[in-house]
C-alpha atoms as a PDB file:
ATOM      1  CA  UNK A   1     -42.266  39.962 -54.705  1.00  0.00           C
ATOM      2  CA  UNK A   2     -43.971  36.767 -53.547  1.00  0.00           C
ATOM      3  CA  UNK A   3     -44.026  33.732 -55.821  1.00  0.00           C
ATOM      4  CA  UNK A   4     -45.859  30.473 -55.196  1.00  0.00           C
ATOM      5  CA  UNK A   5     -43.283  27.726 -55.769  1.00  0.00           C
ATOM      6  CA  UNK A   6     -44.069  24.502 -57.662  1.00  0.00           C
ATOM      7  CA  UNK A   7     -43.379  22.422 -54.535  1.00  0.00           C
ATOM      8  CA  UNK A   8     -46.717  23.666 -53.171  1.00  0.00           C
ATOM      9  CA  UNK A   9     -48.956  20.633 -52.750  1.00  0.00           C
ATOM     10  CA  UNK A  10     -52.010  19.714 -50.707  1.00  0.00           C
ATOM     11  CA  UNK A  11     -51.857  21.577 -47.392  1.00  0.00           C
ATOM     12  CA  UNK A  12     -48.255  22.776 -47.811  1.00  0.00           C
ATOM     13  CA  UNK A  13     -47.677  26.229 -49.269  1.00  0.00           C
ATOM     14  CA  UNK A  14     -44.144  27.003 -50.459  1.00  0.00           C
ATOM     15  CA  UNK A  15     -43.479  30.616 -51.274  1.00  0.00           C
ATOM     16  CA  UNK A  16     -40.410  32.477 -52.428  1.00  0.00           C
ATOM     17  CA  UNK A  17     -39.858  36.049 -51.313  1.00  0.00           C
ATOM     18  CA  UNK A  18     -37.570  38.287 -53.311  1.00  0.00           C
ATOM     19  CA  UNK A  19     -36.658  41.961 -53.290  1.00  0.00           C
ATOM     20  CA  UNK A  20     -38.903  44.104 -51.054  1.00  0.00           C
ATOM     21  CA  UNK A  21     -42.299  42.644 -50.143  1.00  0.00           C
ATOM     22  CA  UNK A  22     -45.242  44.988 -50.615  1.00  0.00           C
ATOM     23  CA  UNK A  23     -48.829  45.089 -49.397  1.00  0.00           C
ATOM     24  CA  UNK A  24     -49.834  44.293 -52.992  1.00  0.00           C
ATOM     25  CA  UNK A  25     -47.832  41.039 -52.776  1.00  0.00           C
ATOM     26  CA  UNK A  26     -49.857  40.055 -49.724  1.00  0.00           C
ATOM     27  CA  UNK A  27     -53.237  41.167 -51.050  1.00  0.00           C
ATOM     28  CA  UNK A  28     -52.835  39.750 -54.568  1.00  0.00           C
ATOM     29  CA  UNK A  29     -50.806  36.565 -54.036  1.00  0.00           C
ATOM     30  CA  UNK A  30     -50.089  35.418 -50.499  1.00  0.00           C
ATOM     31  CA  UNK A  31     -53.328  36.019 -48.583  1.00  0.00           C
ATOM     32  CA  UNK A  32     -55.648  34.703 -51.332  1.00  0.00           C
ATOM     33  CA  UNK A  33     -53.612  31.488 -51.589  1.00  0.00           C
ATOM     34  CA  UNK A  34     -53.571  31.049 -47.818  1.00  0.00           C
ATOM     35  CA  UNK A  35     -57.308  31.604 -47.611  1.00  0.00           C
ATOM     36  CA  UNK A  36     -57.883  29.096 -50.422  1.00  0.00           C
ATOM     37  CA  UNK A  37     -55.854  26.458 -48.578  1.00  0.00           C
ATOM     38  CA  UNK A  38     -57.546  27.204 -45.264  1.00  0.00           C
ATOM     39  CA  UNK A  39     -60.922  26.588 -46.894  1.00  0.00           C
ATOM     40  CA  UNK A  40     -59.704  23.189 -48.125  1.00  0.00           C
ATOM     41  CA  UNK A  41     -57.729  22.042 -45.080  1.00  0.00           C
ATOM     42  CA  UNK A  42     -58.225  22.488 -41.368  1.00  0.00           C
ATOM     43  CA  UNK A  43     -54.554  23.332 -40.850  1.00  0.00           C
ATOM     44  CA  UNK A  44     -51.761  24.161 -43.266  1.00  0.00           C
ATOM     45  CA  UNK A  45     -47.981  24.166 -43.466  1.00  0.00           C
ATOM     46  CA  UNK A  46     -45.873  26.971 -44.897  1.00  0.00           C
ATOM     47  CA  UNK A  47     -42.325  27.264 -46.184  1.00  0.00           C
ATOM     48  CA  UNK A  48     -41.056  30.846 -46.508  1.00  0.00           C
ATOM     49  CA  UNK A  49     -38.000  30.894 -48.733  1.00  0.00           C
ATOM     50  CA  UNK A  50     -36.264  34.268 -48.554  1.00  0.00           C
ATOM     51  CA  UNK A  51     -33.942  34.226 -51.548  1.00  0.00           C
ATOM     52  CA  UNK A  52     -30.672  36.154 -51.843  1.00  0.00           C
ATOM     53  CA  UNK A  53     -32.390  39.219 -53.322  1.00  0.00           C
ATOM     54  CA  UNK A  54     -34.853  39.488 -50.383  1.00  0.00           C
ATOM     55  CA  UNK A  55     -34.717  43.026 -48.995  1.00  0.00           C
ATOM     56  CA  UNK A  56     -37.377  43.100 -46.274  1.00  0.00           C
ATOM     57  CA  UNK A  57     -40.921  44.389 -46.109  1.00  0.00           C
ATOM     58  CA  UNK A  58     -42.600  47.694 -46.758  1.00  0.00           C
ATOM     59  CA  UNK A  59     -44.298  48.904 -43.579  1.00  0.00           C
ATOM     60  CA  UNK A  60     -47.832  48.147 -44.823  1.00  0.00           C
ATOM     61  CA  UNK A  61     -46.749  44.663 -45.930  1.00  0.00           C
ATOM     62  CA  UNK A  62     -45.192  44.032 -42.520  1.00  0.00           C
ATOM     63  CA  UNK A  63     -48.491  45.012 -40.926  1.00  0.00           C
ATOM     64  CA  UNK A  64     -50.449  42.729 -43.286  1.00  0.00           C
ATOM     65  CA  UNK A  65     -48.119  39.845 -42.435  1.00  0.00           C
ATOM     66  CA  UNK A  66     -48.403  40.371 -38.686  1.00  0.00           C
ATOM     67  CA  UNK A  67     -52.171  40.881 -38.761  1.00  0.00           C
ATOM     68  CA  UNK A  68     -52.868  37.801 -40.890  1.00  0.00           C
ATOM     69  CA  UNK A  69     -50.394  35.680 -38.945  1.00  0.00           C
ATOM     70  CA  UNK A  70     -51.927  36.625 -35.606  1.00  0.00           C
ATOM     71  CA  UNK A  71     -55.469  36.106 -36.871  1.00  0.00           C
ATOM     72  CA  UNK A  72     -54.598  32.613 -38.162  1.00  0.00           C
ATOM     73  CA  UNK A  73     -51.892  31.628 -35.668  1.00  0.00           C
ATOM     74  CA  UNK A  74     -53.713  28.401 -34.747  1.00  0.00           C
ATOM     75  CA  UNK A  75     -54.154  27.361 -38.400  1.00  0.00           C
ATOM     76  CA  UNK A  76     -50.521  26.389 -39.024  1.00  0.00           C
ATOM     77  CA  UNK A  77     -49.019  23.040 -38.044  1.00  0.00           C
ATOM     78  CA  UNK A  78     -45.514  23.753 -39.344  1.00  0.00           C
ATOM     79  CA  UNK A  79     -43.735  26.868 -40.541  1.00  0.00           C
ATOM     80  CA  UNK A  80     -40.258  26.735 -42.065  1.00  0.00           C
ATOM     81  CA  UNK A  81     -38.303  29.929 -42.669  1.00  0.00           C
ATOM     82  CA  UNK A  82     -35.436  29.479 -45.100  1.00  0.00           C
ATOM     83  CA  UNK A  83     -32.689  32.060 -45.544  1.00  0.00           C
ATOM     84  CA  UNK A  84     -32.928  35.770 -44.972  1.00  0.00           C
ATOM     85  CA  UNK A  85     -30.936  38.153 -42.808  1.00  0.00           C
ATOM     86  CA  UNK A  86     -30.142  37.411 -39.149  1.00  0.00           C
ATOM     87  CA  UNK A  87     -32.935  39.609 -37.828  1.00  0.00           C
ATOM     88  CA  UNK A  88     -35.492  37.381 -39.598  1.00  0.00           C
ATOM     89  CA  UNK A  89     -34.213  34.368 -37.654  1.00  0.00           C
ATOM     90  CA  UNK A  90     -34.439  36.377 -34.424  1.00  0.00           C
ATOM     91  CA  UNK A  91     -38.007  37.508 -35.206  1.00  0.00           C
ATOM     92  CA  UNK A  92     -38.950  33.938 -36.147  1.00  0.00           C
ATOM     93  CA  UNK A  93     -37.691  32.628 -32.818  1.00  0.00           C
ATOM     94  CA  UNK A  94     -39.740  35.298 -31.068  1.00  0.00           C
ATOM     95  CA  UNK A  95     -42.788  34.143 -33.043  1.00  0.00           C
ATOM     96  CA  UNK A  96     -42.560  30.664 -31.496  1.00  0.00           C
ATOM     97  CA  UNK A  97     -44.098  32.151 -28.342  1.00  0.00           C
ATOM     98  CA  UNK A  98     -47.235  33.185 -30.232  1.00  0.00           C
ATOM     99  CA  UNK A  99     -47.774  30.343 -32.701  1.00  0.00           C
ATOM    100  CA  UNK A 100     -48.693  26.931 -31.296  1.00  0.00           C
ATOM    101  CA  UNK A 101     -47.457  25.024 -34.376  1.00  0.00           C
ATOM    102  CA  UNK A 102     -43.858  24.009 -34.989  1.00  0.00           C
ATOM    103  CA  UNK A 103     -41.567  26.702 -36.335  1.00  0.00           C
ATOM    104  CA  UNK A 104     -38.085  25.966 -37.649  1.00  0.00           C
ATOM    105  CA  UNK A 105     -35.331  28.024 -39.285  1.00  0.00           C
ATOM    106  CA  UNK A 106     -33.215  26.649 -42.147  1.00  0.00           C
ATOM    107  CA  UNK A 107     -30.142  27.937 -43.937  1.00  0.00           C
ATOM    108  CA  UNK A 108     -30.648  28.918 -47.577  1.00  0.00           C
ATOM    109  CA  UNK A 109     -28.788  25.817 -48.782  1.00  0.00           C
ATOM    110  CA  UNK A 110     -31.336  23.604 -46.999  1.00  0.00           C
ATOM    111  CA  UNK A 111     -34.472  24.577 -48.937  1.00  0.00           C
ATOM    112  CA  UNK A 112     -35.208  20.989 -50.026  1.00  0.00           C
ATOM    113  CA  UNK A 113     -34.785  19.764 -46.449  1.00  0.00           C
ATOM    114  CA  UNK A 114     -37.120  22.504 -45.188  1.00  0.00           C
ATOM    115  CA  UNK A 115     -39.797  21.506 -47.683  1.00  0.00           C
ATOM    116  CA  UNK A 116     -39.470  17.848 -46.704  1.00  0.00           C
ATOM    117  CA  UNK A 117     -39.724  18.767 -43.008  1.00  0.00           C
ATOM    118  CA  UNK A 118     -42.801  20.946 -43.576  1.00  0.00           C
ATOM    119  CA  UNK A 119     -44.609  18.240 -45.543  1.00  0.00           C
ATOM    120  CA  UNK A 120     -44.157  15.569 -42.825  1.00  0.00           C
END
């Protein structure tokens, strides 16, 4: 499930991912919010908070994430990934080669710091 967190403000989107993410999560919540922000702002910032119940992506959701991310890779100034299993950190580091904006990984306990960093 994807939830828009209350820390979302102006061009910074803060989302919380829990359990297994589905294509419906992307189509109904995440992508519409991103598109709304991209219409308002030239570039946006994102904080992905993967809470303790996060259990990965369904295959179609993973495809939606990759497709949207690649299509809009130049539209992000900062991306913070907070928490999640080790493989998420590895994949995030790999993503730095494809996304020109800043990308940083934070431990789960540093959510507030990640939000502050993203909003700078």
